[in-house]
Amino acid sequence: MPDKECDVKGCENESFQTVPADLASKLFQFKEKKTKVHLCREHYKEYKKATKKERELDRLAWK
């Protein structure tokens, strides 16, 4: 079975992490519409930096 590749349009790197598409779609354009997307290591790093505040607020809402 082949490894999954990054879902970001124009990227062919190997998938590193799966994230919710609603947050990631604010940063990247994807090959197809999904609820969860696979990101390579580089795109995941960008995603984490750009959505840090939003993810913190989401975690606080859980408490």
N, C-alpha and C. Protein backbone atom coordinates (compact mmCIF):
# COMPACT_ATOMS: atom_id res chain seq x y z
N MET A 1 0.84 -1.18 0.00
CA MET A 1 0.00 0.00 0.00
C MET A 1 0.89 1.24 0.00
N PRO A 2 0.70 2.16 -0.93
CA PRO A 2 1.54 3.35 -0.99
C PRO A 2 1.27 4.30 0.18
N ASP A 3 2.31 5.01 0.58
CA ASP A 3 2.14 5.99 1.64
C ASP A 3 1.27 7.13 1.14
N LYS A 4 0.54 7.74 2.04
CA LYS A 4 -0.30 8.88 1.67
C LYS A 4 0.59 10.08 1.43
N GLU A 5 0.12 10.98 0.56
CA GLU A 5 0.90 12.18 0.32
C GLU A 5 0.11 13.40 0.77
N CYS A 6 0.80 14.49 0.93
CA CYS A 6 0.24 15.75 1.40
C CYS A 6 -0.92 16.17 0.49
N ASP A 7 -2.03 16.64 1.09
CA ASP A 7 -3.21 17.04 0.34
C ASP A 7 -3.16 18.47 -0.17
N VAL A 8 -2.12 19.22 0.16
CA VAL A 8 -2.00 20.60 -0.30
C VAL A 8 -1.73 20.60 -1.80
N LYS A 9 -2.46 21.45 -2.51
CA LYS A 9 -2.33 21.53 -3.96
C LYS A 9 -0.89 21.86 -4.35
N GLY A 10 -0.30 21.06 -5.22
CA GLY A 10 1.06 21.28 -5.69
C GLY A 10 2.14 20.62 -4.86
N CYS A 11 1.79 20.00 -3.74
CA CYS A 11 2.78 19.35 -2.87
C CYS A 11 2.69 17.84 -3.07
N GLU A 12 3.83 17.19 -3.21
CA GLU A 12 3.85 15.73 -3.38
C GLU A 12 4.67 15.03 -2.30
N ASN A 13 4.92 15.71 -1.19
CA ASN A 13 5.66 15.12 -0.09
C ASN A 13 4.81 14.10 0.66
N GLU A 14 5.46 13.23 1.40
CA GLU A 14 4.79 12.20 2.18
C GLU A 14 4.02 12.83 3.33
N SER A 15 2.85 12.29 3.63
CA SER A 15 2.01 12.78 4.72
C SER A 15 2.69 12.56 6.06
N PHE A 16 2.56 13.55 6.95
CA PHE A 16 3.16 13.48 8.27
C PHE A 16 2.09 13.44 9.36
N GLN A 17 1.03 14.27 9.20
CA GLN A 17 0.00 14.40 10.22
C GLN A 17 -1.35 14.69 9.56
N THR A 18 -2.41 14.25 10.19
CA THR A 18 -3.77 14.52 9.73
C THR A 18 -4.39 15.56 10.64
N VAL A 19 -5.02 16.59 10.03
CA VAL A 19 -5.60 17.69 10.79
C VAL A 19 -7.01 17.98 10.27
N PRO A 20 -7.84 18.70 11.07
CA PRO A 20 -9.17 19.09 10.60
C PRO A 20 -9.07 20.05 9.42
N ALA A 21 -9.87 19.82 8.41
CA ALA A 21 -9.80 20.63 7.19
C ALA A 21 -10.31 22.05 7.39
N ASP A 22 -11.24 22.26 8.33
CA ASP A 22 -11.79 23.60 8.49
C ASP A 22 -10.74 24.62 8.90
N LEU A 23 -9.83 24.26 9.80
CA LEU A 23 -8.75 25.18 10.18
C LEU A 23 -7.68 25.28 9.10
N ALA A 24 -7.31 24.17 8.53
CA ALA A 24 -6.25 24.14 7.53
C ALA A 24 -6.66 24.83 6.24
N SER A 25 -7.94 24.83 5.93
CA SER A 25 -8.39 25.46 4.67
C SER A 25 -8.25 26.97 4.69
N LYS A 26 -8.08 27.56 5.87
CA LYS A 26 -7.83 29.00 5.97
C LYS A 26 -6.42 29.35 5.49
N LEU A 27 -5.53 28.35 5.48
CA LEU A 27 -4.13 28.57 5.12
C LEU A 27 -3.76 28.02 3.75
N PHE A 28 -4.32 26.87 3.39
CA PHE A 28 -3.88 26.17 2.18
C PHE A 28 -5.05 25.88 1.26
N GLN A 29 -4.74 25.65 -0.02
CA GLN A 29 -5.73 25.15 -0.97
C GLN A 29 -5.46 23.66 -1.14
N PHE A 30 -6.53 22.86 -1.18
CA PHE A 30 -6.39 21.42 -1.23
C PHE A 30 -6.82 20.85 -2.57
N LYS A 31 -6.33 19.64 -2.85
CA LYS A 31 -6.62 18.95 -4.11
C LYS A 31 -8.10 18.60 -4.20
N GLU A 32 -8.73 18.24 -3.08
CA GLU A 32 -10.15 17.91 -3.05
C GLU A 32 -10.72 18.27 -1.68
N LYS A 33 -12.04 18.37 -1.60
CA LYS A 33 -12.71 18.76 -0.36
C LYS A 33 -12.87 17.56 0.55
N LYS A 34 -12.39 17.68 1.80
CA LYS A 34 -12.47 16.61 2.79
C LYS A 34 -12.76 17.22 4.16
N THR A 35 -13.05 16.37 5.14
CA THR A 35 -13.23 16.85 6.51
C THR A 35 -11.91 16.83 7.28
N LYS A 36 -11.02 15.93 6.90
CA LYS A 36 -9.67 15.87 7.47
C LYS A 36 -8.67 15.81 6.33
N VAL A 37 -7.53 16.46 6.51
CA VAL A 37 -6.54 16.49 5.44
C VAL A 37 -5.19 16.02 5.97
N HIS A 38 -4.39 15.48 5.08
CA HIS A 38 -3.04 15.03 5.40
C HIS A 38 -2.08 16.14 5.03
N LEU A 39 -1.17 16.45 5.95
CA LEU A 39 -0.15 17.48 5.69
C LEU A 39 1.24 16.88 5.83
N CYS A 40 2.16 17.35 4.99
CA CYS A 40 3.56 16.93 5.12
C CYS A 40 4.17 17.68 6.31
N ARG A 41 5.37 17.35 6.64
CA ARG A 41 6.04 17.94 7.80
C ARG A 41 6.13 19.47 7.68
N GLU A 42 6.47 20.00 6.51
CA GLU A 42 6.63 21.45 6.32
C GLU A 42 5.30 22.18 6.44
N HIS A 43 4.25 21.64 5.81
CA HIS A 43 2.94 22.29 5.89
C HIS A 43 2.35 22.16 7.29
N TYR A 44 2.62 21.06 7.98
CA TYR A 44 2.13 20.89 9.34
C TYR A 44 2.77 21.93 10.26
N LYS A 45 4.03 22.20 10.06
CA LYS A 45 4.73 23.20 10.86
C LYS A 45 4.10 24.59 10.65
N GLU A 46 3.81 24.93 9.40
CA GLU A 46 3.14 26.20 9.09
C GLU A 46 1.76 26.25 9.74
N TYR A 47 1.02 25.15 9.65
CA TYR A 47 -0.32 25.05 10.22
C TYR A 47 -0.28 25.29 11.72
N LYS A 48 0.65 24.64 12.43
CA LYS A 48 0.75 24.79 13.87
C LYS A 48 1.02 26.23 14.28
N LYS A 49 1.93 26.89 13.57
CA LYS A 49 2.26 28.28 13.90
C LYS A 49 1.08 29.21 13.64
N ALA A 50 0.40 29.02 12.53
CA ALA A 50 -0.67 29.93 12.13
C ALA A 50 -1.95 29.74 12.95
N THR A 51 -2.19 28.55 13.47
CA THR A 51 -3.45 28.28 14.17
C THR A 51 -3.26 28.09 15.67
N LYS A 52 -2.14 28.46 16.20
CA LYS A 52 -1.84 28.23 17.61
C LYS A 52 -2.90 28.86 18.53
N LYS A 53 -3.23 30.11 18.31
CA LYS A 53 -4.19 30.81 19.17
C LYS A 53 -5.58 30.17 19.07
N GLU A 54 -6.03 29.84 17.86
CA GLU A 54 -7.34 29.22 17.67
C GLU A 54 -7.43 27.87 18.37
N ARG A 55 -6.37 27.07 18.27
CA ARG A 55 -6.37 25.75 18.90
C ARG A 55 -6.38 25.88 20.41
N GLU A 56 -5.69 26.89 20.98
CA GLU A 56 -5.71 27.11 22.42
C GLU A 56 -7.12 27.47 22.89
N LEU A 57 -7.80 28.33 22.14
CA LEU A 57 -9.16 28.71 22.50
C LEU A 57 -10.11 27.52 22.43
N ASP A 58 -9.93 26.66 21.45
CA ASP A 58 -10.75 25.46 21.35
C ASP A 58 -10.54 24.55 22.55
N ARG A 59 -9.31 24.40 22.98
CA ARG A 59 -9.03 23.55 24.14
C ARG A 59 -9.64 24.14 25.41
N LEU A 60 -9.60 25.47 25.55
CA LEU A 60 -10.17 26.09 26.73
C LEU A 60 -11.69 25.93 26.78
N ALA A 61 -12.32 25.89 25.62
CA ALA A 61 -13.77 25.72 25.56
C ALA A 61 -14.19 24.33 26.03
N TRP A 62 -13.30 23.37 25.99
CA TRP A 62 -13.61 22.00 26.40
C TRP A 62 -13.74 21.90 27.92
N LYS A 63 -13.05 22.78 28.64
CA LYS A 63 -13.04 22.68 30.11
C LYS A 63 -14.30 23.21 30.74
